[in-house]
């Protein structure tokens, strides 16, 4: 099981539709790519190709 990272101010924001969107800051703090195509993925994962850049 992965370590729980507590949420802090600036780690996410809410869209007008009511979805929570994690920022690149939080995703870097988390330390890994979940390969879900996150909007602000700092790891470069491309959901269309299912790959990260080398």
N, C-alpha and C. Protein backbone atom coordinates (compact mmCIF):
# COMPACT_ATOMS: atom_id res chain seq x y z
N UNK A 1 0.83 -1.18 0.00
CA UNK A 1 0.00 0.00 0.00
C UNK A 1 0.88 1.24 0.00
N UNK A 2 0.49 2.23 -0.77
CA UNK A 2 1.27 3.45 -0.87
C UNK A 2 1.01 4.38 0.31
N UNK A 3 1.99 5.23 0.58
CA UNK A 3 1.90 6.17 1.70
C UNK A 3 0.80 7.21 1.44
N UNK A 4 0.06 7.56 2.48
CA UNK A 4 -0.98 8.58 2.38
C UNK A 4 -0.32 9.96 2.46
N UNK A 5 -0.55 10.81 1.48
CA UNK A 5 -0.01 12.16 1.46
C UNK A 5 -1.15 13.11 1.82
N UNK A 6 -1.06 13.82 2.95
CA UNK A 6 -2.15 14.73 3.31
C UNK A 6 -2.26 15.89 2.33
N UNK A 7 -3.49 16.31 2.06
CA UNK A 7 -3.73 17.42 1.15
C UNK A 7 -3.50 18.75 1.86
N UNK A 8 -2.86 19.67 1.15
CA UNK A 8 -2.61 21.02 1.65
C UNK A 8 -3.18 22.01 0.65
N UNK A 9 -3.28 23.26 1.08
CA UNK A 9 -3.75 24.32 0.18
C UNK A 9 -2.82 24.39 -1.03
N UNK A 10 -3.38 24.46 -2.22
CA UNK A 10 -2.60 24.52 -3.45
C UNK A 10 -2.37 23.16 -4.09
N UNK A 11 -2.80 22.09 -3.43
CA UNK A 11 -2.62 20.75 -3.99
C UNK A 11 -3.71 20.38 -4.99
N UNK A 12 -4.84 21.09 -4.96
CA UNK A 12 -5.94 20.80 -5.87
C UNK A 12 -6.84 22.02 -5.99
N UNK A 13 -7.74 21.96 -6.98
CA UNK A 13 -8.76 22.98 -7.14
C UNK A 13 -10.03 22.30 -7.63
N UNK A 14 -11.14 22.99 -7.51
CA UNK A 14 -12.44 22.45 -7.95
C UNK A 14 -12.81 23.05 -9.30
N UNK A 15 -13.27 22.23 -10.22
CA UNK A 15 -13.76 22.72 -11.51
C UNK A 15 -15.19 23.22 -11.33
N UNK A 16 -15.70 23.99 -12.29
CA UNK A 16 -17.10 24.44 -12.20
C UNK A 16 -18.09 23.27 -12.16
N UNK A 17 -17.69 22.12 -12.71
CA UNK A 17 -18.56 20.95 -12.71
C UNK A 17 -18.53 20.20 -11.38
N UNK A 18 -17.63 20.59 -10.46
CA UNK A 18 -17.56 19.97 -9.16
C UNK A 18 -16.51 18.88 -9.00
N UNK A 19 -15.59 18.78 -9.95
CA UNK A 19 -14.52 17.78 -9.86
C UNK A 19 -13.29 18.37 -9.17
N UNK A 20 -12.63 17.57 -8.35
CA UNK A 20 -11.37 17.99 -7.72
C UNK A 20 -10.24 17.63 -8.69
N UNK A 21 -9.39 18.59 -9.00
CA UNK A 21 -8.28 18.40 -9.93
C UNK A 21 -6.98 18.62 -9.18
N UNK A 22 -6.12 17.60 -9.15
CA UNK A 22 -4.84 17.73 -8.48
C UNK A 22 -3.88 18.55 -9.33
N UNK A 23 -3.07 19.37 -8.66
CA UNK A 23 -2.08 20.21 -9.34
C UNK A 23 -0.79 19.40 -9.53
N UNK A 24 0.07 19.90 -10.41
CA UNK A 24 1.36 19.26 -10.64
C UNK A 24 2.16 19.22 -9.33
N UNK A 25 2.01 20.24 -8.51
CA UNK A 25 2.71 20.29 -7.21
C UNK A 25 2.36 19.06 -6.36
N UNK A 26 1.08 18.76 -6.28
CA UNK A 26 0.67 17.60 -5.48
C UNK A 26 1.15 16.30 -6.12
N UNK A 27 1.02 16.20 -7.44
CA UNK A 27 1.41 14.96 -8.12
C UNK A 27 2.90 14.69 -7.97
N UNK A 28 3.72 15.75 -7.97
CA UNK A 28 5.16 15.57 -7.72
C UNK A 28 5.40 15.16 -6.28
N UNK A 29 4.66 15.75 -5.36
CA UNK A 29 4.81 15.41 -3.95
C UNK A 29 4.42 13.94 -3.71
N UNK A 30 3.43 13.48 -4.46
CA UNK A 30 2.99 12.08 -4.34
C UNK A 30 4.11 11.14 -4.76
N UNK A 31 4.86 11.52 -5.81
CA UNK A 31 6.07 10.78 -6.15
C UNK A 31 5.98 9.71 -7.22
N UNK A 32 4.83 9.53 -7.85
CA UNK A 32 4.74 8.52 -8.90
C UNK A 32 3.61 8.89 -9.87
N UNK A 33 3.66 8.31 -11.06
CA UNK A 33 2.62 8.51 -12.07
C UNK A 33 1.61 7.37 -11.96
N UNK A 34 0.34 7.72 -11.85
CA UNK A 34 -0.71 6.70 -11.73
C UNK A 34 -1.21 6.23 -13.10
N UNK A 35 -0.73 6.87 -14.17
CA UNK A 35 -1.08 6.53 -15.55
C UNK A 35 -2.58 6.60 -15.81
N UNK A 36 -3.23 7.61 -15.21
CA UNK A 36 -4.66 7.83 -15.41
C UNK A 36 -4.94 9.01 -16.33
N UNK A 37 -3.90 9.66 -16.84
CA UNK A 37 -4.08 10.81 -17.71
C UNK A 37 -4.45 12.07 -16.97
N UNK A 38 -3.86 12.29 -15.80
CA UNK A 38 -4.16 13.48 -15.00
C UNK A 38 -3.92 14.75 -15.82
N UNK A 39 -4.78 15.73 -15.62
CA UNK A 39 -4.73 16.99 -16.37
C UNK A 39 -3.39 17.69 -16.23
N UNK A 40 -2.77 17.64 -15.06
CA UNK A 40 -1.52 18.36 -14.80
C UNK A 40 -0.35 17.41 -14.54
N UNK A 41 -0.35 16.27 -15.19
CA UNK A 41 0.67 15.25 -14.95
C UNK A 41 2.08 15.80 -15.22
N UNK A 42 2.93 15.85 -14.19
CA UNK A 42 4.30 16.33 -14.40
C UNK A 42 5.24 15.25 -14.93
N UNK A 43 4.73 14.04 -15.06
CA UNK A 43 5.56 12.92 -15.50
C UNK A 43 5.46 12.68 -17.01
N UNK A 44 4.59 13.41 -17.68
CA UNK A 44 4.51 13.34 -19.13
C UNK A 44 3.73 12.17 -19.69
N UNK A 45 2.91 11.51 -18.88
CA UNK A 45 2.13 10.38 -19.37
C UNK A 45 1.12 10.85 -20.41
N UNK A 46 1.05 10.14 -21.53
CA UNK A 46 0.11 10.46 -22.60
C UNK A 46 -0.94 9.36 -22.67
N UNK A 47 -2.19 9.64 -22.27
CA UNK A 47 -3.20 8.58 -22.26
C UNK A 47 -3.53 8.05 -23.65
N UNK A 48 -3.26 8.82 -24.70
CA UNK A 48 -3.55 8.35 -26.06
C UNK A 48 -2.60 7.23 -26.47
N UNK A 49 -1.33 7.33 -26.05
CA UNK A 49 -0.35 6.31 -26.42
C UNK A 49 -0.05 5.34 -25.28
N UNK A 50 -0.55 5.64 -24.07
CA UNK A 50 -0.30 4.84 -22.87
C UNK A 50 1.20 4.77 -22.55
N UNK A 51 1.93 5.87 -22.83
CA UNK A 51 3.38 5.88 -22.61
C UNK A 51 3.82 7.18 -22.00
N UNK A 52 4.94 7.12 -21.32
CA UNK A 52 5.62 8.31 -20.82
C UNK A 52 6.83 8.55 -21.73
N UNK A 53 7.24 9.81 -21.88
CA UNK A 53 8.42 10.07 -22.70
C UNK A 53 9.66 9.47 -22.06
N UNK A 54 10.61 9.09 -22.88
CA UNK A 54 11.85 8.47 -22.37
C UNK A 54 12.87 9.51 -22.03
